[in-house]
Amino acid sequence: MKEYEVQIRESLSMTVTVEAESALQARELVERQWKNGEYVLDADHFQGVAFTVPARRSRER
């Protein structure tokens, strides 16, 4: 029997609206706010899941 590593990747997503002079400034503002804990994504923001078996990751057991 072989062992396999399986990667589980979940996606969370939130869209926020901010006022800014440019798209870059808006992104930087939201990133800073997120880092400061003003936006917290949780199970309510779940968008999907993917399961992947990376190549060459099996081991004989």
N, C-alpha and C. Protein backbone atom coordinates (compact mmCIF):
# COMPACT_ATOMS: atom_id res chain seq x y z
N MET A 1 0.84 -1.17 0.00
CA MET A 1 0.00 0.00 0.00
C MET A 1 0.89 1.24 0.00
N LYS A 2 0.48 2.29 -0.70
CA LYS A 2 1.23 3.54 -0.78
C LYS A 2 0.55 4.61 0.05
N GLU A 3 1.33 5.58 0.49
CA GLU A 3 0.80 6.77 1.16
C GLU A 3 0.83 7.92 0.17
N TYR A 4 -0.19 8.75 0.23
CA TYR A 4 -0.28 9.92 -0.65
C TYR A 4 -0.55 11.16 0.18
N GLU A 5 0.07 12.25 -0.19
CA GLU A 5 -0.25 13.54 0.40
C GLU A 5 -1.31 14.18 -0.48
N VAL A 6 -2.38 14.64 0.15
CA VAL A 6 -3.47 15.29 -0.57
C VAL A 6 -3.63 16.69 0.00
N GLN A 7 -3.52 17.67 -0.85
CA GLN A 7 -3.64 19.07 -0.43
C GLN A 7 -5.11 19.47 -0.47
N ILE A 8 -5.57 20.10 0.60
CA ILE A 8 -6.93 20.65 0.66
C ILE A 8 -6.80 22.16 0.67
N ARG A 9 -7.43 22.81 -0.30
CA ARG A 9 -7.36 24.27 -0.39
C ARG A 9 -8.78 24.83 -0.39
N GLU A 10 -9.09 25.62 0.62
CA GLU A 10 -10.39 26.26 0.71
C GLU A 10 -10.28 27.72 0.27
N SER A 11 -11.33 28.21 -0.32
CA SER A 11 -11.35 29.60 -0.77
C SER A 11 -12.43 30.38 -0.02
N LEU A 12 -12.02 31.54 0.50
CA LEU A 12 -12.94 32.48 1.12
C LEU A 12 -12.90 33.76 0.31
N SER A 13 -14.01 34.46 0.23
CA SER A 13 -14.04 35.67 -0.58
C SER A 13 -15.00 36.70 0.02
N MET A 14 -14.56 37.96 -0.01
CA MET A 14 -15.39 39.07 0.45
C MET A 14 -15.11 40.25 -0.49
N THR A 15 -16.14 40.96 -0.86
CA THR A 15 -15.98 42.16 -1.66
C THR A 15 -16.38 43.36 -0.81
N VAL A 16 -15.49 44.36 -0.77
CA VAL A 16 -15.78 45.58 -0.01
C VAL A 16 -15.69 46.77 -0.95
N THR A 17 -16.38 47.82 -0.61
CA THR A 17 -16.37 49.04 -1.42
C THR A 17 -15.70 50.15 -0.62
N VAL A 18 -14.73 50.79 -1.24
CA VAL A 18 -14.02 51.91 -0.61
C VAL A 18 -13.89 53.05 -1.60
N GLU A 19 -13.69 54.24 -1.08
CA GLU A 19 -13.41 55.40 -1.92
C GLU A 19 -11.91 55.62 -1.95
N ALA A 20 -11.37 55.86 -3.15
CA ALA A 20 -9.94 56.08 -3.31
C ALA A 20 -9.69 56.85 -4.59
N GLU A 21 -8.47 57.35 -4.74
CA GLU A 21 -8.08 58.09 -5.93
C GLU A 21 -7.78 57.17 -7.11
N SER A 22 -7.43 55.91 -6.82
CA SER A 22 -7.08 54.97 -7.89
C SER A 22 -7.35 53.54 -7.41
N ALA A 23 -7.34 52.62 -8.35
CA ALA A 23 -7.52 51.20 -8.01
C ALA A 23 -6.38 50.73 -7.11
N LEU A 24 -5.17 51.18 -7.39
CA LEU A 24 -4.02 50.80 -6.57
C LEU A 24 -4.18 51.30 -5.14
N GLN A 25 -4.60 52.54 -5.00
CA GLN A 25 -4.81 53.09 -3.66
C GLN A 25 -5.93 52.34 -2.93
N ALA A 26 -6.97 51.98 -3.65
CA ALA A 26 -8.07 51.21 -3.04
C ALA A 26 -7.57 49.86 -2.55
N ARG A 27 -6.77 49.19 -3.36
CA ARG A 27 -6.22 47.89 -2.97
C ARG A 27 -5.35 48.03 -1.73
N GLU A 28 -4.47 49.02 -1.73
CA GLU A 28 -3.58 49.23 -0.58
C GLU A 28 -4.37 49.55 0.68
N LEU A 29 -5.43 50.34 0.55
CA LEU A 29 -6.27 50.69 1.69
C LEU A 29 -6.95 49.44 2.26
N VAL A 30 -7.54 48.65 1.40
CA VAL A 30 -8.24 47.45 1.86
C VAL A 30 -7.25 46.45 2.45
N GLU A 31 -6.08 46.31 1.85
CA GLU A 31 -5.07 45.40 2.40
C GLU A 31 -4.66 45.84 3.80
N ARG A 32 -4.45 47.12 3.98
CA ARG A 32 -4.07 47.65 5.29
C ARG A 32 -5.19 47.43 6.31
N GLN A 33 -6.43 47.67 5.89
CA GLN A 33 -7.57 47.45 6.78
C GLN A 33 -7.70 45.97 7.14
N TRP A 34 -7.48 45.09 6.19
CA TRP A 34 -7.54 43.65 6.44
C TRP A 34 -6.46 43.23 7.44
N LYS A 35 -5.25 43.75 7.24
CA LYS A 35 -4.16 43.43 8.16
C LYS A 35 -4.44 43.94 9.57
N ASN A 36 -5.18 45.02 9.69
CA ASN A 36 -5.55 45.59 10.99
C ASN A 36 -6.77 44.90 11.59
N GLY A 37 -7.30 43.89 10.91
CA GLY A 37 -8.42 43.13 11.45
C GLY A 37 -9.79 43.74 11.21
N GLU A 38 -9.87 44.73 10.31
CA GLU A 38 -11.16 45.35 10.03
C GLU A 38 -12.06 44.45 9.18
N TYR A 39 -11.46 43.53 8.44
CA TYR A 39 -12.20 42.55 7.65
C TYR A 39 -11.75 41.18 8.09
N VAL A 40 -12.68 40.35 8.51
CA VAL A 40 -12.36 38.99 8.93
C VAL A 40 -13.24 38.04 8.14
N LEU A 41 -12.61 37.21 7.34
CA LEU A 41 -13.34 36.23 6.56
C LEU A 41 -13.53 34.97 7.38
N ASP A 42 -14.73 34.41 7.31
CA ASP A 42 -15.04 33.21 8.07
C ASP A 42 -15.86 32.26 7.20
N ALA A 43 -16.48 31.27 7.82
CA ALA A 43 -17.23 30.26 7.08
C ALA A 43 -18.35 30.85 6.23
N ASP A 44 -18.87 32.00 6.61
CA ASP A 44 -19.92 32.65 5.81
C ASP A 44 -19.41 33.13 4.46
N HIS A 45 -18.08 33.24 4.32
CA HIS A 45 -17.47 33.72 3.08
C HIS A 45 -16.92 32.58 2.23
N PHE A 46 -17.26 31.35 2.59
CA PHE A 46 -16.75 30.17 1.88
C PHE A 46 -17.21 30.18 0.42
N GLN A 47 -16.27 29.96 -0.50
CA GLN A 47 -16.57 29.95 -1.93
C GLN A 47 -16.33 28.61 -2.60
N GLY A 48 -15.51 27.75 -2.01
CA GLY A 48 -15.25 26.47 -2.63
C GLY A 48 -14.07 25.76 -2.01
N VAL A 49 -13.86 24.54 -2.48
CA VAL A 49 -12.74 23.73 -1.99
C VAL A 49 -12.19 22.91 -3.16
N ALA A 50 -10.88 22.66 -3.13
CA ALA A 50 -10.23 21.84 -4.15
C ALA A 50 -9.32 20.83 -3.46
N PHE A 51 -9.29 19.62 -3.97
CA PHE A 51 -8.43 18.57 -3.45
C PHE A 51 -7.44 18.21 -4.54
N THR A 52 -6.14 18.21 -4.22
CA THR A 52 -5.10 17.96 -5.21
C THR A 52 -4.09 16.96 -4.66
N VAL A 53 -3.71 16.01 -5.51
CA VAL A 53 -2.63 15.09 -5.17
C VAL A 53 -1.42 15.54 -5.99
N PRO A 54 -0.44 16.21 -5.34
CA PRO A 54 0.73 16.68 -6.07
C PRO A 54 1.48 15.51 -6.72
N ALA A 55 2.08 15.75 -7.85
CA ALA A 55 2.84 14.72 -8.56
C ALA A 55 4.03 14.25 -7.73
N ARG A 56 4.38 12.98 -7.85
CA ARG A 56 5.54 12.38 -7.20
C ARG A 56 5.50 12.51 -5.68
N ARG A 57 4.34 12.33 -5.09
CA ARG A 57 4.20 12.46 -3.65
C ARG A 57 3.75 11.14 -3.00
N SER A 58 4.00 10.02 -3.65
CA SER A 58 3.61 8.75 -3.04
C SER A 58 4.82 8.12 -2.38
N ARG A 59 4.57 7.34 -1.33
CA ARG A 59 5.63 6.63 -0.63
C ARG A 59 5.17 5.19 -0.42
N GLU A 60 6.07 4.25 -0.64
CA GLU A 60 5.75 2.86 -0.38
C GLU A 60 5.58 2.68 1.11
N ARG A 61 4.65 1.84 1.47
CA ARG A 61 4.42 1.61 2.88
C ARG A 61 4.47 0.13 3.18
